[in-house]
Amino acid sequence: MRKTHWFLACLMAVTFLFVSIAPVLAEDHTGLININTATIDELTQLKRIGPSFAQRIVEYREQYGPFKAPEDIVLVKGIGQRTWEENKNLITIGN
């Protein structure tokens, strides 16, 4: 009986560990926000970007296609150089 309990305890521990780290394994470990693929919620994590500006970013890329460079975020109406400067280390356009 003890071996069964030990086995179940180990199995539960391994399952818990896997379930805990599975989302981390799926993340982009750069910690950057890809402005070509980010959702509105993800974009609002950027400094000075609220839901309204996040929506504009999504609409811009839908209308004009993907951003070619991270600094192209300033092409979105209302997003200026100051916003770019505050976020330039947080933004990517992917590979």
PDB file of N, CA and C in Angstrom:
ATOM      1  N   MET A   1       0.811  -1.184   0.000  1.00  0.00           N
ATOM      2  CA  MET A   1       0.000   0.000   0.000  1.00  0.00           C
ATOM      3  C   MET A   1       0.860   1.256   0.000  1.00  0.00           C
ATOM      4  N   ARG A   2       1.955   1.226   0.681  1.00  0.00           N
ATOM      5  CA  ARG A   2       2.813   2.402   0.738  1.00  0.00           C
ATOM      6  C   ARG A   2       3.397   2.762  -0.624  1.00  0.00           C
ATOM      7  N   LYS A   3       3.786   1.743  -1.390  1.00  0.00           N
ATOM      8  CA  LYS A   3       4.335   1.996  -2.717  1.00  0.00           C
ATOM      9  C   LYS A   3       3.296   2.672  -3.607  1.00  0.00           C
ATOM     10  N   THR A   4       2.053   2.277  -3.473  1.00  0.00           N
ATOM     11  CA  THR A   4       0.979   2.885  -4.257  1.00  0.00           C
ATOM     12  C   THR A   4       0.815   4.355  -3.887  1.00  0.00           C
ATOM     13  N   HIS A   5       0.834   4.670  -2.618  1.00  0.00           N
ATOM     14  CA  HIS A   5       0.706   6.055  -2.166  1.00  0.00           C
ATOM     15  C   HIS A   5       1.889   6.900  -2.656  1.00  0.00           C
ATOM     16  N   TRP A   6       3.070   6.320  -2.538  1.00  0.00           N
ATOM     17  CA  TRP A   6       4.262   7.046  -2.988  1.00  0.00           C
ATOM     18  C   TRP A   6       4.182   7.318  -4.490  1.00  0.00           C
ATOM     19  N   PHE A   7       3.791   6.285  -5.252  1.00  0.00           N
ATOM     20  CA  PHE A   7       3.665   6.437  -6.705  1.00  0.00           C
ATOM     21  C   PHE A   7       2.634   7.512  -7.047  1.00  0.00           C
ATOM     22  N   LEU A   8       1.478   7.491  -6.405  1.00  0.00           N
ATOM     23  CA  LEU A   8       0.433   8.487  -6.668  1.00  0.00           C
ATOM     24  C   LEU A   8       0.896   9.894  -6.296  1.00  0.00           C
ATOM     25  N   ALA A   9       1.617  10.007  -5.206  1.00  0.00           N
ATOM     26  CA  ALA A   9       2.128  11.312  -4.785  1.00  0.00           C
ATOM     27  C   ALA A   9       3.120  11.853  -5.815  1.00  0.00           C
ATOM     28  N   CYS A  10       4.001  10.995  -6.305  1.00  0.00           N
ATOM     29  CA  CYS A  10       4.961  11.415  -7.329  1.00  0.00           C
ATOM     30  C   CYS A  10       4.251  11.782  -8.627  1.00  0.00           C
ATOM     31  N   LEU A  11       3.278  10.990  -9.006  1.00  0.00           N
ATOM     32  CA  LEU A  11       2.523  11.264 -10.220  1.00  0.00           C
ATOM     33  C   LEU A  11       1.792  12.597 -10.115  1.00  0.00           C
ATOM     34  N   MET A  12       1.206  12.875  -8.981  1.00  0.00           N
ATOM     35  CA  MET A  12       0.515  14.142  -8.764  1.00  0.00           C
ATOM     36  C   MET A  12       1.503  15.305  -8.806  1.00  0.00           C
ATOM     37  N   ALA A  13       2.663  15.140  -8.227  1.00  0.00           N
ATOM     38  CA  ALA A  13       3.670  16.194  -8.217  1.00  0.00           C
ATOM     39  C   ALA A  13       4.150  16.507  -9.626  1.00  0.00           C
ATOM     40  N   VAL A  14       4.421  15.475 -10.414  1.00  0.00           N
ATOM     41  CA  VAL A  14       4.872  15.674 -11.793  1.00  0.00           C
ATOM     42  C   VAL A  14       3.771  16.326 -12.620  1.00  0.00           C
ATOM     43  N   THR A  15       2.541  15.891 -12.432  1.00  0.00           N
ATOM     44  CA  THR A  15       1.404  16.483 -13.157  1.00  0.00           C
ATOM     45  C   THR A  15       1.260  17.947 -12.795  1.00  0.00           C
ATOM     46  N   PHE A  16       1.331  18.261 -11.507  1.00  0.00           N
ATOM     47  CA  PHE A  16       1.221  19.644 -11.071  1.00  0.00           C
ATOM     48  C   PHE A  16       2.340  20.494 -11.662  1.00  0.00           C
ATOM     49  N   LEU A  17       3.547  19.973 -11.656  1.00  0.00           N
ATOM     50  CA  LEU A  17       4.680  20.707 -12.212  1.00  0.00           C
ATOM     51  C   LEU A  17       4.472  20.980 -13.695  1.00  0.00           C
ATOM     52  N   PHE A  18       4.049  19.978 -14.442  1.00  0.00           N
ATOM     53  CA  PHE A  18       3.824  20.154 -15.876  1.00  0.00           C
ATOM     54  C   PHE A  18       2.724  21.169 -16.143  1.00  0.00           C
ATOM     55  N   VAL A  19       1.625  21.071 -15.423  1.00  0.00           N
ATOM     56  CA  VAL A  19       0.514  22.007 -15.609  1.00  0.00           C
ATOM     57  C   VAL A  19       0.960  23.422 -15.256  1.00  0.00           C
ATOM     58  N   SER A  20       1.807  23.570 -14.277  1.00  0.00           N
ATOM     59  CA  SER A  20       2.280  24.884 -13.856  1.00  0.00           C
ATOM     60  C   SER A  20       3.207  25.536 -14.871  1.00  0.00           C
ATOM     61  N   ILE A  21       4.061  24.725 -15.519  1.00  0.00           N
ATOM     62  CA  ILE A  21       5.035  25.319 -16.437  1.00  0.00           C
ATOM     63  C   ILE A  21       4.595  25.285 -17.891  1.00  0.00           C
ATOM     64  N   ALA A  22       3.524  24.580 -18.219  1.00  0.00           N
ATOM     65  CA  ALA A  22       3.081  24.481 -19.615  1.00  0.00           C
ATOM     66  C   ALA A  22       2.844  25.847 -20.250  1.00  0.00           C
ATOM     67  N   PRO A  23       2.162  26.791 -19.577  1.00  0.00           N
ATOM     68  CA  PRO A  23       1.979  28.110 -20.205  1.00  0.00           C
ATOM     69  C   PRO A  23       3.306  28.827 -20.446  1.00  0.00           C
ATOM     70  N   VAL A  24       4.259  28.640 -19.571  1.00  0.00           N
ATOM     71  CA  VAL A  24       5.556  29.285 -19.736  1.00  0.00           C
ATOM     72  C   VAL A  24       6.279  28.726 -20.949  1.00  0.00           C
ATOM     73  N   LEU A  25       6.147  27.446 -21.192  1.00  0.00           N
ATOM     74  CA  LEU A  25       6.806  26.821 -22.327  1.00  0.00           C
ATOM     75  C   LEU A  25       6.272  27.368 -23.652  1.00  0.00           C
ATOM     76  N   ALA A  26       5.026  27.845 -23.670  1.00  0.00           N
ATOM     77  CA  ALA A  26       4.404  28.340 -24.890  1.00  0.00           C
ATOM     78  C   ALA A  26       4.682  29.826 -25.127  1.00  0.00           C
ATOM     79  N   GLU A  27       5.234  30.523 -24.146  1.00  0.00           N
ATOM     80  CA  GLU A  27       5.481  31.958 -24.271  1.00  0.00           C
ATOM     81  C   GLU A  27       6.677  32.247 -25.158  1.00  0.00           C
ATOM     82  N   ASP A  28       6.685  33.477 -25.695  1.00  0.00           N
ATOM     83  CA  ASP A  28       7.853  34.007 -26.385  1.00  0.00           C
ATOM     84  C   ASP A  28       8.736  34.566 -25.286  1.00  0.00           C
ATOM     85  N   HIS A  29       9.828  33.925 -24.996  1.00  0.00           N
ATOM     86  CA  HIS A  29      10.643  34.264 -23.829  1.00  0.00           C
ATOM     87  C   HIS A  29      11.386  35.578 -23.944  1.00  0.00           C
ATOM     88  N   THR A  30      11.157  36.339 -25.006  1.00  0.00           N
ATOM     89  CA  THR A  30      11.814  37.633 -25.107  1.00  0.00           C
ATOM     90  C   THR A  30      11.175  38.657 -24.193  1.00  0.00           C
ATOM     91  N   GLY A  31       9.911  38.459 -23.837  1.00  0.00           N
ATOM     92  CA  GLY A  31       9.212  39.429 -23.006  1.00  0.00           C
ATOM     93  C   GLY A  31       8.751  40.639 -23.790  1.00  0.00           C
ATOM     94  N   LEU A  32       8.965  40.635 -25.096  1.00  0.00           N
ATOM     95  CA  LEU A  32       8.566  41.757 -25.944  1.00  0.00           C
ATOM     96  C   LEU A  32       7.147  41.558 -26.463  1.00  0.00           C
ATOM     97  N   ILE A  33       6.517  42.658 -26.808  1.00  0.00           N
ATOM     98  CA  ILE A  33       5.177  42.617 -27.381  1.00  0.00           C
ATOM     99  C   ILE A  33       5.297  42.801 -28.881  1.00  0.00           C
ATOM    100  N   ASN A  34       4.811  41.821 -29.621  1.00  0.00           N
ATOM    101  CA  ASN A  34       4.857  41.867 -31.081  1.00  0.00           C
ATOM    102  C   ASN A  34       3.662  42.683 -31.563  1.00  0.00           C
ATOM    103  N   ILE A  35       3.923  43.885 -32.071  1.00  0.00           N
ATOM    104  CA  ILE A  35       2.832  44.758 -32.495  1.00  0.00           C
ATOM    105  C   ILE A  35       2.141  44.271 -33.761  1.00  0.00           C
ATOM    106  N   ASN A  36       2.694  43.254 -34.407  1.00  0.00           N
ATOM    107  CA  ASN A  36       2.045  42.670 -35.583  1.00  0.00           C
ATOM    108  C   ASN A  36       1.062  41.564 -35.228  1.00  0.00           C
ATOM    109  N   THR A  37       1.139  41.038 -34.028  1.00  0.00           N
ATOM    110  CA  THR A  37       0.271  39.919 -33.660  1.00  0.00           C
ATOM    111  C   THR A  37      -0.441  40.108 -32.326  1.00  0.00           C
ATOM    112  N   ALA A  38      -0.068  41.100 -31.551  1.00  0.00           N
ATOM    113  CA  ALA A  38      -0.616  41.277 -30.199  1.00  0.00           C
ATOM    114  C   ALA A  38      -2.102  41.615 -30.234  1.00  0.00           C
ATOM    115  N   THR A  39      -2.792  41.132 -29.229  1.00  0.00           N
ATOM    116  CA  THR A  39      -4.201  41.463 -29.049  1.00  0.00           C
ATOM    117  C   THR A  39      -4.307  42.856 -28.422  1.00  0.00           C
ATOM    118  N   ILE A  40      -5.520  43.364 -28.375  1.00  0.00           N
ATOM    119  CA  ILE A  40      -5.736  44.670 -27.741  1.00  0.00           C
ATOM    120  C   ILE A  40      -5.285  44.616 -26.285  1.00  0.00           C
ATOM    121  N   ASP A  41      -5.625  43.547 -25.586  1.00  0.00           N
ATOM    122  CA  ASP A  41      -5.215  43.419 -24.178  1.00  0.00           C
ATOM    123  C   ASP A  41      -3.696  43.415 -24.028  1.00  0.00           C
ATOM    124  N   GLU A  42      -3.015  42.719 -24.919  1.00  0.00           N
ATOM    125  CA  GLU A  42      -1.549  42.678 -24.860  1.00  0.00           C
ATOM    126  C   GLU A  42      -0.954  44.049 -25.171  1.00  0.00           C
ATOM    127  N   LEU A  43      -1.520  44.740 -26.129  1.00  0.00           N
ATOM    128  CA  LEU A  43      -1.000  46.066 -26.499  1.00  0.00           C
ATOM    129  C   LEU A  43      -1.173  47.072 -25.371  1.00  0.00           C
ATOM    130  N   THR A  44      -2.209  46.919 -24.564  1.00  0.00           N
ATOM    131  CA  THR A  44      -2.423  47.861 -23.463  1.00  0.00           C
ATOM    132  C   THR A  44      -1.387  47.697 -22.353  1.00  0.00           C
ATOM    133  N   GLN A  45      -0.555  46.678 -22.441  1.00  0.00           N
ATOM    134  CA  GLN A  45       0.538  46.529 -21.477  1.00  0.00           C
ATOM    135  C   GLN A  45       1.673  47.511 -21.765  1.00  0.00           C
ATOM    136  N   LEU A  46       1.659  48.090 -22.958  1.00  0.00           N
ATOM    137  CA  LEU A  46       2.673  49.087 -23.306  1.00  0.00           C
ATOM    138  C   LEU A  46       2.377  50.396 -22.579  1.00  0.00           C
ATOM    139  N   LYS A  47       3.401  51.158 -22.336  1.00  0.00           N
ATOM    140  CA  LYS A  47       3.259  52.450 -21.668  1.00  0.00           C
ATOM    141  C   LYS A  47       2.530  53.428 -22.594  1.00  0.00           C
ATOM    142  N   ARG A  48       1.592  54.174 -22.034  1.00  0.00           N
ATOM    143  CA  ARG A  48       0.838  55.218 -22.744  1.00  0.00           C
ATOM    144  C   ARG A  48      -0.104  54.643 -23.807  1.00  0.00           C
ATOM    145  N   ILE A  49      -0.343  53.339 -23.793  1.00  0.00           N
ATOM    146  CA  ILE A  49      -1.251  52.713 -24.757  1.00  0.00           C
ATOM    147  C   ILE A  49      -2.444  52.141 -23.993  1.00  0.00           C
ATOM    148  N   GLY A  50      -3.572  52.812 -24.167  1.00  0.00           N
ATOM    149  CA  GLY A  50      -4.814  52.319 -23.575  1.00  0.00           C
ATOM    150  C   GLY A  50      -5.603  51.558 -24.622  1.00  0.00           C
ATOM    151  N   PRO A  51      -6.817  51.150 -24.281  1.00  0.00           N
ATOM    152  CA  PRO A  51      -7.638  50.380 -25.221  1.00  0.00           C
ATOM    153  C   PRO A  51      -7.902  51.104 -26.546  1.00  0.00           C
ATOM    154  N   SER A  52      -8.068  52.403 -26.500  1.00  0.00           N
ATOM    155  CA  SER A  52      -8.338  53.159 -27.727  1.00  0.00           C
ATOM    156  C   SER A  52      -7.148  53.124 -28.686  1.00  0.00           C
ATOM    157  N   PHE A  53      -5.964  53.389 -28.170  1.00  0.00           N
ATOM    158  CA  PHE A  53      -4.764  53.346 -29.014  1.00  0.00           C
ATOM    159  C   PHE A  53      -4.454  51.916 -29.459  1.00  0.00           C
ATOM    160  N   ALA A  54      -4.697  50.953 -28.571  1.00  0.00           N
ATOM    161  CA  ALA A  54      -4.478  49.554 -28.936  1.00  0.00           C
ATOM    162  C   ALA A  54      -5.386  49.179 -30.108  1.00  0.00           C
ATOM    163  N   GLN A  55      -6.622  49.637 -30.063  1.00  0.00           N
ATOM    164  CA  GLN A  55      -7.552  49.363 -31.162  1.00  0.00           C
ATOM    165  C   GLN A  55      -7.045  50.005 -32.457  1.00  0.00           C
ATOM    166  N   ARG A  56      -6.494  51.196 -32.362  1.00  0.00           N
ATOM    167  CA  ARG A  56      -5.949  51.869 -33.551  1.00  0.00           C
ATOM    168  C   ARG A  56      -4.769  51.092 -34.141  1.00  0.00           C
ATOM    169  N   ILE A  57      -3.939  50.523 -33.278  1.00  0.00           N
ATOM    170  CA  ILE A  57      -2.804  49.728 -33.756  1.00  0.00           C
ATOM    171  C   ILE A  57      -3.321  48.514 -34.538  1.00  0.00           C
ATOM    172  N   VAL A  58      -4.310  47.835 -33.993  1.00  0.00           N
ATOM    173  CA  VAL A  58      -4.881  46.657 -34.657  1.00  0.00           C
ATOM    174  C   VAL A  58      -5.507  47.066 -35.991  1.00  0.00           C
ATOM    175  N   GLU A  59      -6.263  48.161 -35.997  1.00  0.00           N
ATOM    176  CA  GLU A  59      -6.898  48.626 -37.235  1.00  0.00           C
ATOM    177  C   GLU A  59      -5.859  49.036 -38.274  1.00  0.00           C
ATOM    178  N   TYR A  60      -4.779  49.656 -37.824  1.00  0.00           N
ATOM    179  CA  TYR A  60      -3.717  50.074 -38.747  1.00  0.00           C
ATOM    180  C   TYR A  60      -3.116  48.863 -39.453  1.00  0.00           C
ATOM    181  N   ARG A  61      -2.766  47.848 -38.684  1.00  0.00           N
ATOM    182  CA  ARG A  61      -2.132  46.680 -39.311  1.00  0.00           C
ATOM    183  C   ARG A  61      -3.110  45.902 -40.171  1.00  0.00           C
ATOM    184  N   GLU A  62      -4.416  45.948 -39.835  1.00  0.00           N
ATOM    185  CA  GLU A  62      -5.413  45.301 -40.689  1.00  0.00           C
ATOM    186  C   GLU A  62      -5.550  46.042 -42.019  1.00  0.00           C
ATOM    187  N   GLN A  63      -5.441  47.371 -41.962  1.00  0.00           N
ATOM    188  CA  GLN A  63      -5.603  48.179 -43.172  1.00  0.00           C
ATOM    189  C   GLN A  63      -4.346  48.203 -44.038  1.00  0.00           C
ATOM    190  N   TYR A  64      -3.182  48.332 -43.414  1.00  0.00           N
ATOM    191  CA  TYR A  64      -1.938  48.527 -44.156  1.00  0.00           C
ATOM    192  C   TYR A  64      -1.001  47.319 -44.149  1.00  0.00           C
ATOM    193  N   GLY A  65      -1.353  46.292 -43.421  1.00  0.00           N
ATOM    194  CA  GLY A  65      -0.474  45.135 -43.320  1.00  0.00           C
ATOM    195  C   GLY A  65       0.454  45.255 -42.123  1.00  0.00           C
ATOM    196  N   PRO A  66       1.341  44.287 -41.955  1.00  0.00           N
ATOM    197  CA  PRO A  66       2.213  44.281 -40.781  1.00  0.00           C
ATOM    198  C   PRO A  66       3.190  45.453 -40.777  1.00  0.00           C
ATOM    199  N   PHE A  67       3.546  45.862 -39.568  1.00  0.00           N
ATOM    200  CA  PHE A  67       4.562  46.890 -39.406  1.00  0.00           C
ATOM    201  C   PHE A  67       5.889  46.339 -39.909  1.00  0.00           C
ATOM    202  N   LYS A  68       6.658  47.160 -40.583  1.00  0.00           N
ATOM    203  CA  LYS A  68       7.938  46.714 -41.135  1.00  0.00           C
ATOM    204  C   LYS A  68       9.095  46.935 -40.155  1.00  0.00           C
ATOM    205  N   ALA A  69       8.897  47.837 -39.210  1.00  0.00           N
ATOM    206  CA  ALA A  69       9.897  48.126 -38.181  1.00  0.00           C
ATOM    207  C   ALA A  69       9.161  48.529 -36.898  1.00  0.00           C
ATOM    208  N   PRO A  70       9.714  48.243 -35.735  1.00  0.00           N
ATOM    209  CA  PRO A  70       9.041  48.603 -34.489  1.00  0.00           C
ATOM    210  C   PRO A  70       8.697  50.094 -34.396  1.00  0.00           C
ATOM    211  N   GLU A  71       9.591  50.933 -34.900  1.00  0.00           N
ATOM    212  CA  GLU A  71       9.356  52.381 -34.814  1.00  0.00           C
ATOM    213  C   GLU A  71       8.210  52.853 -35.704  1.00  0.00           C
ATOM    214  N   ASP A  72       7.717  51.990 -36.580  1.00  0.00           N
ATOM    215  CA  ASP A  72       6.574  52.337 -37.420  1.00  0.00           C
ATOM    216  C   ASP A  72       5.290  52.494 -36.617  1.00  0.00           C
ATOM    217  N   ILE A  73       5.340  52.186 -35.338  1.00  0.00           N
ATOM    218  CA  ILE A  73       4.174  52.386 -34.494  1.00  0.00           C
ATOM    219  C   ILE A  73       3.745  53.863 -34.496  1.00  0.00           C
ATOM    220  N   VAL A  74       4.692  54.755 -34.763  1.00  0.00           N
ATOM    221  CA  VAL A  74       4.348  56.185 -34.796  1.00  0.00           C
ATOM    222  C   VAL A  74       3.491  56.541 -36.010  1.00  0.00           C
ATOM    223  N   LEU A  75       3.322  55.626 -36.940  1.00  0.00           N
ATOM    224  CA  LEU A  75       2.452  55.865 -38.088  1.00  0.00           C
ATOM    225  C   LEU A  75       0.973  55.773 -37.703  1.00  0.00           C
ATOM    226  N   VAL A  76       0.703  55.213 -36.530  1.00  0.00           N
ATOM    227  CA  VAL A  76      -0.665  55.106 -36.035  1.00  0.00           C
ATOM    228  C   VAL A  76      -1.079  56.471 -35.486  1.00  0.00           C
ATOM    229  N   LYS A  77      -2.244  56.941 -35.910  1.00  0.00           N
ATOM    230  CA  LYS A  77      -2.736  58.254 -35.501  1.00  0.00           C
ATOM    231  C   LYS A  77      -2.769  58.372 -33.980  1.00  0.00           C
ATOM    232  N   GLY A  78      -2.145  59.421 -33.475  1.00  0.00           N
ATOM    233  CA  GLY A  78      -2.132  59.696 -32.046  1.00  0.00           C
ATOM    234  C   GLY A  78      -0.950  59.117 -31.287  1.00  0.00           C
ATOM    235  N   ILE A  79      -0.176  58.268 -31.926  1.00  0.00           N
ATOM    236  CA  ILE A  79       1.003  57.699 -31.261  1.00  0.00           C
ATOM    237  C   ILE A  79       2.225  58.427 -31.799  1.00  0.00           C
ATOM    238  N   GLY A  80       2.892  59.097 -30.903  1.00  0.00           N
ATOM    239  CA  GLY A  80       4.012  59.920 -31.322  1.00  0.00           C
ATOM    240  C   GLY A  80       5.361  59.411 -30.845  1.00  0.00           C
ATOM    241  N   GLN A  81       6.329  60.257 -31.035  1.00  0.00           N
ATOM    242  CA  GLN A  81       7.719  59.925 -30.711  1.00  0.00           C
ATOM    243  C   GLN A  81       7.907  59.608 -29.226  1.00  0.00           C
ATOM    244  N   ARG A  82       7.209  60.333 -28.365  1.00  0.00           N
ATOM    245  CA  ARG A  82       7.360  60.099 -26.925  1.00  0.00           C
ATOM    246  C   ARG A  82       6.915  58.679 -26.553  1.00  0.00           C
ATOM    247  N   THR A  83       5.778  58.248 -27.123  1.00  0.00           N
ATOM    248  CA  THR A  83       5.291  56.891 -26.862  1.00  0.00           C
ATOM    249  C   THR A  83       6.277  55.859 -27.392  1.00  0.00           C
ATOM    250  N   TRP A  84       6.814  56.118 -28.580  1.00  0.00           N
ATOM    251  CA  TRP A  84       7.817  55.217 -29.141  1.00  0.00           C
ATOM    252  C   TRP A  84       9.028  55.117 -28.216  1.00  0.00           C
ATOM    253  N   GLU A  85       9.530  56.242 -27.770  1.00  0.00           N
ATOM    254  CA  GLU A  85      10.722  56.259 -26.909  1.00  0.00           C
ATOM    255  C   GLU A  85      10.488  55.485 -25.615  1.00  0.00           C
ATOM    256  N   GLU A  86       9.290  55.604 -25.057  1.00  0.00           N
ATOM    257  CA  GLU A  86       8.997  54.908 -23.797  1.00  0.00           C
ATOM    258  C   GLU A  86       8.818  53.402 -23.982  1.00  0.00           C
ATOM    259  N   ASN A  87       8.557  52.972 -25.209  1.00  0.00           N
ATOM    260  CA  ASN A  87       8.265  51.563 -25.462  1.00  0.00           C
ATOM    261  C   ASN A  87       9.255  50.853 -26.372  1.00  0.00           C
ATOM    262  N   LYS A  88      10.252  51.549 -26.859  1.00  0.00           N
ATOM    263  CA  LYS A  88      11.131  50.948 -27.866  1.00  0.00           C
ATOM    264  C   LYS A  88      11.834  49.684 -27.402  1.00  0.00           C
ATOM    265  N   ASN A  89      12.020  49.516 -26.112  1.00  0.00           N
ATOM    266  CA  ASN A  89      12.651  48.300 -25.597  1.00  0.00           C
ATOM    267  C   ASN A  89      11.638  47.203 -25.272  1.00  0.00           C
ATOM    268  N   LEU A  90      10.372  47.495 -25.529  1.00  0.00           N
ATOM    269  CA  LEU A  90       9.309  46.547 -25.211  1.00  0.00           C
ATOM    270  C   LEU A  90       8.616  45.995 -26.451  1.00  0.00           C
ATOM    271  N   ILE A  91       8.929  46.578 -27.611  1.00  0.00           N
ATOM    272  CA  ILE A  91       8.215  46.270 -28.845  1.00  0.00           C
ATOM    273  C   ILE A  91       9.086  45.467 -29.807  1.00  0.00           C
ATOM    274  N   THR A  92       8.449  44.531 -30.505  1.00  0.00           N
ATOM    275  CA  THR A  92       9.082  43.791 -31.573  1.00  0.00           C
ATOM    276  C   THR A  92       8.076  43.656 -32.715  1.00  0.00           C
ATOM    277  N   ILE A  93       8.567  43.288 -33.878  1.00  0.00           N
ATOM    278  CA  ILE A  93       7.679  42.984 -34.999  1.00  0.00           C
ATOM    279  C   ILE A  93       7.812  41.516 -35.377  1.00  0.00           C
ATOM    280  N   GLY A  94       8.531  40.761 -34.561  1.00  0.00           N
ATOM    281  CA  GLY A  94       8.722  39.336 -34.818  1.00  0.00           C
ATOM    282  C   GLY A  94       9.936  39.083 -35.706  1.00  0.00           C
ATOM    283  N   ASN A  95      10.012  37.888 -36.203  1.00  0.00           N
ATOM    284  CA  ASN A  95      11.180  37.483 -37.024  1.00  0.00           C
ATOM    285  C   ASN A  95      11.160  38.109 -38.380  1.00  0.00           C
TER     286      ASN A  95
END
